Amino acid sequence: MAPLLDVVDLSKSFGGVRAVDGLSFTVKRGSIVGLIGPNGSGKTTALNLISGAIPPRGGEIRLDGAAITGLKPDRIVHRGVARTFQLVRVLGDLSCADNVTAAIAFRQHPLWGDKARHQATALLARVGLAGRDAEPAGNLTYIDSKRLELARALALDPKLLLLDEWLAGLNPTELQEGIALIASLKRDGLTIVMVEHVMDAIRSLCDRCVVMNTGRKIADGTTAEVLTDPEVVRAYLGGADAED
């Protein structure tokens, strides 16, 4: 079966810095792939390129066999890609339900009125915010703001979900809840690429990992293989972190 996502020789420079340098990888349907590496290695830039936030300098991105390289973000959303961000972006003056309803209006096949409201309620429950439709988004805790942002991403009805450090900053209980939630999305058939530094999450969730360092891919394989690769340990994990 053809991969859902195919990234081929993707490149992006900022001034004289090659933030992404010849990156290639594929993502199978229904899998979770971890995109990992040290800070500044180009992971978020790669997500920005896939989601259309910035245009690439070179290379190709294919989704479901069709090129999406250089399309505007709204066109890429309509092709089936949604994402979250490192810095949570919710509309604090609106209710939780209105935040999600706004996203439903921008997907390829939008819903309106009661249908949109019912879907928003269901999505809030799906991410652990049941019964909080009317609560102002600005009142939410950090983890619940992340849950709301995830609900908004799911409201776009994606084939591919890009998670940019969605599990960062959570306490141990919240982390386990977050891991369980992401695992449930995979069981529902969603394909996920996740940028993440939490190794417990990577080990628990990811079928494969792609490792970047200074813009280039240095490893690509099963999670167990990648996390014991000497180059990955040297460049990213280090002696102590390799055992965490």
Protein backbone atom coordinates (compact mmCIF):
# COMPACT_ATOMS: atom_id res chain seq x y z
CA MET A 1 0.00 0.00 0.00
CA ALA A 2 1.27 3.46 -0.90
CA PRO A 3 2.22 5.71 2.04
CA LEU A 4 -0.15 8.46 3.11
CA LEU A 5 2.70 10.99 3.33
CA ASP A 6 5.80 11.03 1.16
CA VAL A 7 8.46 13.68 1.81
CA VAL A 8 11.19 13.76 -0.85
CA ASP A 9 14.46 15.72 -0.60
CA LEU A 10 12.78 18.59 1.25
CA SER A 11 14.90 21.70 1.86
CA LYS A 12 14.47 25.10 3.47
CA SER A 13 17.01 27.83 4.23
CA PHE A 14 16.79 30.95 6.35
CA GLY A 15 19.56 33.24 5.25
CA GLY A 16 22.64 31.07 5.18
CA VAL A 17 21.22 28.44 7.54
CA ARG A 18 19.90 25.18 6.06
CA ALA A 19 17.07 24.52 8.52
CA VAL A 20 15.92 21.45 6.56
CA ASP A 21 18.49 19.85 4.29
CA GLY A 22 17.41 17.09 1.91
CA LEU A 23 14.86 15.49 4.25
CA SER A 24 13.09 12.38 2.96
CA PHE A 25 10.74 10.01 4.77
CA THR A 26 7.39 8.27 4.36
CA VAL A 27 4.46 7.71 6.73
CA LYS A 28 2.21 4.67 6.43
CA ARG A 29 -1.52 5.03 6.87
CA GLY A 30 -2.69 4.47 10.42
CA SER A 31 0.80 4.76 11.93
CA ILE A 32 2.43 7.16 14.36
CA VAL A 33 5.87 8.42 13.33
CA GLY A 34 8.04 10.34 15.76
CA LEU A 35 10.09 13.21 14.33
CA ILE A 36 12.78 13.69 16.95
CA GLY A 37 16.15 15.33 17.46
CA PRO A 38 17.89 18.07 19.45
CA ASN A 39 16.52 21.60 19.67
CA GLY A 40 17.20 23.50 16.46
CA SER A 41 17.46 20.38 14.34
CA GLY A 42 14.67 21.44 11.94
CA LYS A 43 11.72 19.40 13.21
CA THR A 44 9.21 22.23 13.56
CA THR A 45 10.39 23.70 10.26
CA ALA A 46 9.60 20.34 8.65
CA LEU A 47 6.08 20.45 10.09
CA ASN A 48 5.72 24.04 8.87
CA LEU A 49 6.67 22.92 5.36
CA ILE A 50 4.25 19.98 5.37
CA SER A 51 1.37 22.12 6.68
CA GLY A 52 2.07 24.98 4.26
CA ALA A 53 2.99 27.58 6.88
CA ILE A 54 6.17 28.29 4.90
CA PRO A 55 7.17 27.34 1.33
CA PRO A 56 10.06 24.94 0.71
CA ARG A 57 13.20 25.87 -1.20
CA GLY A 58 13.26 22.46 -2.84
CA GLY A 59 11.86 18.96 -2.73
CA GLU A 60 8.37 17.53 -2.85
CA ILE A 61 5.60 16.65 -0.41
CA ARG A 62 2.91 14.19 -1.49
CA LEU A 63 -0.25 13.35 0.42
CA ASP A 64 -2.29 10.39 -0.76
CA GLY A 65 -0.17 10.38 -3.92
CA ALA A 66 -0.91 14.01 -4.84
CA ALA A 67 1.62 16.83 -4.55
CA ILE A 68 0.85 19.44 -1.90
CA THR A 69 4.24 21.17 -2.12
CA GLY A 70 3.92 24.93 -1.70
CA LEU A 71 0.12 25.00 -1.40
CA LYS A 72 -1.41 27.56 0.98
CA PRO A 73 -2.33 26.24 4.44
CA ASP A 74 -6.09 26.34 3.80
CA ARG A 75 -5.66 24.23 0.66
CA ILE A 76 -3.53 21.73 2.57
CA VAL A 77 -6.18 21.56 5.31
CA HIS A 78 -8.73 20.71 2.62
CA ARG A 79 -6.44 17.94 1.38
CA GLY A 80 -6.52 16.42 4.87
CA VAL A 81 -3.69 17.81 7.05
CA ALA A 82 -4.21 19.43 10.47
CA ARG A 83 -1.74 20.39 13.17
CA THR A 84 -1.13 21.71 16.65
CA PHE A 85 1.60 24.17 17.65
CA GLN A 86 4.31 24.37 20.30
CA LEU A 87 2.69 27.55 21.61
CA VAL A 88 -0.98 26.84 22.23
CA ARG A 89 -3.22 29.09 20.14
CA VAL A 90 -6.80 29.26 21.38
CA LEU A 91 -9.30 32.08 21.02
CA GLY A 92 -9.48 33.05 24.68
CA ASP A 93 -12.51 35.34 24.43
CA LEU A 94 -14.64 32.62 22.83
CA SER A 95 -16.18 29.58 24.47
CA CYS A 96 -14.64 26.14 24.01
CA ALA A 97 -17.50 25.17 21.71
CA ASP A 98 -17.11 28.31 19.60
CA ASN A 99 -13.39 27.61 19.21
CA VAL A 100 -14.17 24.19 17.76
CA THR A 101 -17.14 25.40 15.72
CA ALA A 102 -14.89 27.97 14.04
CA ALA A 103 -12.58 25.17 12.90
CA ILE A 104 -15.52 23.12 11.59
CA ALA A 105 -16.42 26.06 9.34
CA PHE A 106 -12.99 26.00 7.67
CA ARG A 107 -12.69 22.32 6.77
CA GLN A 108 -13.31 21.02 3.26
CA HIS A 109 -16.90 20.01 4.00
CA PRO A 110 -18.05 22.49 6.67
CA LEU A 111 -21.02 22.11 8.97
CA TRP A 112 -23.27 24.90 10.20
CA GLY A 113 -25.84 25.55 12.90
CA ASP A 114 -26.97 22.66 15.08
CA LYS A 115 -24.90 20.12 13.16
CA ALA A 116 -21.73 22.09 13.82
CA ARG A 117 -22.66 22.61 17.48
CA HIS A 118 -23.33 18.89 18.00
CA GLN A 119 -20.03 17.97 16.35
CA ALA A 120 -18.18 20.50 18.53
CA THR A 121 -19.74 18.98 21.66
CA ALA A 122 -18.70 15.49 20.55
CA LEU A 123 -15.13 16.59 19.80
CA LEU A 124 -14.77 18.32 23.16
CA ALA A 125 -15.87 15.12 24.85
CA ARG A 126 -13.45 13.14 22.66
CA VAL A 127 -10.45 15.07 24.03
CA GLY A 128 -11.60 15.11 27.67
CA LEU A 129 -13.52 18.41 27.83
CA ALA A 130 -17.03 17.03 28.11
CA GLY A 131 -19.57 19.44 29.61
CA ARG A 132 -17.34 22.49 29.12
CA ASP A 133 -18.81 23.82 25.89
CA ALA A 134 -19.76 27.21 27.35
CA GLU A 135 -16.56 27.78 29.33
CA PRO A 136 -14.37 30.63 28.03
CA ALA A 137 -11.24 29.20 26.45
CA GLY A 138 -9.17 31.81 28.28
CA ASN A 139 -10.07 30.18 31.61
CA LEU A 140 -8.60 26.78 30.72
CA THR A 141 -5.52 25.30 32.34
CA TYR A 142 -2.46 24.55 30.22
CA ILE A 143 -3.36 20.90 29.61
CA ASP A 144 -6.98 21.75 28.86
CA SER A 145 -5.88 24.44 26.40
CA LYS A 146 -3.87 21.73 24.66
CA ARG A 147 -6.95 19.50 24.65
CA LEU A 148 -8.97 22.31 23.07
CA GLU A 149 -6.35 22.90 20.39
CA LEU A 150 -6.40 19.17 19.62
CA ALA A 151 -10.22 19.27 19.33
CA ARG A 152 -9.91 22.13 16.85
CA ALA A 153 -7.39 20.15 14.79
CA LEU A 154 -9.70 17.12 14.77
CA ALA A 155 -12.57 19.40 13.74
CA LEU A 156 -10.77 19.86 10.41
CA ASP A 157 -11.43 16.15 9.69
CA PRO A 158 -7.80 15.30 8.90
CA LYS A 159 -6.24 12.21 7.39
CA LEU A 160 -2.88 13.30 8.81
CA LEU A 161 -2.39 15.01 12.18
CA LEU A 162 0.84 16.86 12.96
CA LEU A 163 1.53 17.24 16.69
CA ASP A 164 4.27 19.70 17.65
CA GLU A 165 5.33 18.87 21.24
CA TRP A 166 1.72 18.40 22.28
CA LEU A 167 2.83 16.46 25.37
CA ALA A 168 5.43 18.99 26.52
CA GLY A 169 5.08 20.54 29.97
CA LEU A 170 2.60 18.01 31.37
CA ASN A 171 2.85 16.50 34.83
CA PRO A 172 3.14 12.68 35.08
CA THR A 173 -0.61 12.10 35.39
CA GLU A 174 -1.42 14.46 32.52
CA LEU A 175 1.29 12.83 30.41
CA GLN A 176 -0.23 9.37 30.81
CA GLU A 177 -3.66 10.78 29.95
CA GLY A 178 -2.20 12.49 26.89
CA ILE A 179 -0.44 9.32 25.72
CA ALA A 180 -3.70 7.38 26.09
CA LEU A 181 -5.58 10.01 24.10
CA ILE A 182 -3.10 9.96 21.22
CA ALA A 183 -3.12 6.15 21.22
CA SER A 184 -6.92 6.22 20.93
CA LEU A 185 -6.68 8.47 17.87
CA LYS A 186 -4.45 5.89 16.22
CA ARG A 187 -6.97 3.17 17.05
CA ASP A 188 -9.57 5.29 15.28
CA GLY A 189 -7.40 5.13 12.14
CA LEU A 190 -5.77 8.56 12.24
CA THR A 191 -2.22 8.88 10.92
CA ILE A 192 0.07 11.01 13.10
CA VAL A 193 3.49 12.63 12.86
CA MET A 194 4.62 13.88 16.24
CA VAL A 195 7.55 16.10 17.16
CA GLU A 196 8.29 15.21 20.75
CA HIS A 197 11.09 15.20 23.33
CA VAL A 198 9.30 13.02 25.92
CA MET A 199 10.93 9.64 25.41
CA ASP A 200 8.26 7.76 27.37
CA ALA A 201 5.73 9.00 24.83
CA ILE A 202 7.95 8.16 21.86
CA ARG A 203 8.49 4.62 23.13
CA SER A 204 4.81 4.13 23.96
CA LEU A 205 3.29 5.57 20.80
CA CYS A 206 5.60 5.57 17.80
CA ASP A 207 5.85 2.74 15.30
CA ARG A 208 8.84 4.46 13.69
CA CYS A 209 11.10 7.42 14.33
CA VAL A 210 12.86 9.82 12.01
CA VAL A 211 15.76 11.58 13.71
CA MET A 212 17.05 14.98 12.58
CA ASN A 213 20.21 16.86 13.49
CA THR A 214 21.27 20.22 12.02
CA GLY A 215 18.57 19.97 9.37
CA ARG A 216 19.46 16.51 8.10
CA LYS A 217 18.03 13.06 8.73
CA ILE A 218 20.50 10.92 10.66
CA ALA A 219 18.31 7.88 11.35
CA ASP A 220 15.02 6.33 10.24
CA GLY A 221 13.64 3.04 11.52
CA THR A 222 11.68 1.32 14.23
CA THR A 223 11.63 3.16 17.53
CA ALA A 224 13.72 0.50 19.27
CA GLU A 225 16.34 0.53 16.51
CA VAL A 226 16.58 4.30 16.32
CA LEU A 227 16.85 4.91 20.06
CA THR A 228 19.82 2.56 20.31
CA ASP A 229 21.59 3.86 17.19
CA PRO A 230 25.03 5.13 18.32
CA GLU A 231 24.80 8.28 16.19
CA VAL A 232 21.39 9.12 17.66
CA VAL A 233 22.60 8.53 21.20
CA ARG A 234 25.63 10.72 20.58
CA ALA A 235 23.76 13.55 18.82
CA TYR A 236 20.54 13.61 20.80
CA LEU A 237 19.94 11.27 23.70
CA GLY A 238 23.25 11.39 25.54
CA GLY A 239 24.35 8.88 28.13
CA ALA A 240 21.78 9.59 30.87
CA ASP A 241 18.78 10.36 28.67
CA ALA A 242 19.28 7.15 26.71
CA GLU A 243 18.18 5.23 29.78
CA ASP A 244 15.12 7.38 30.65
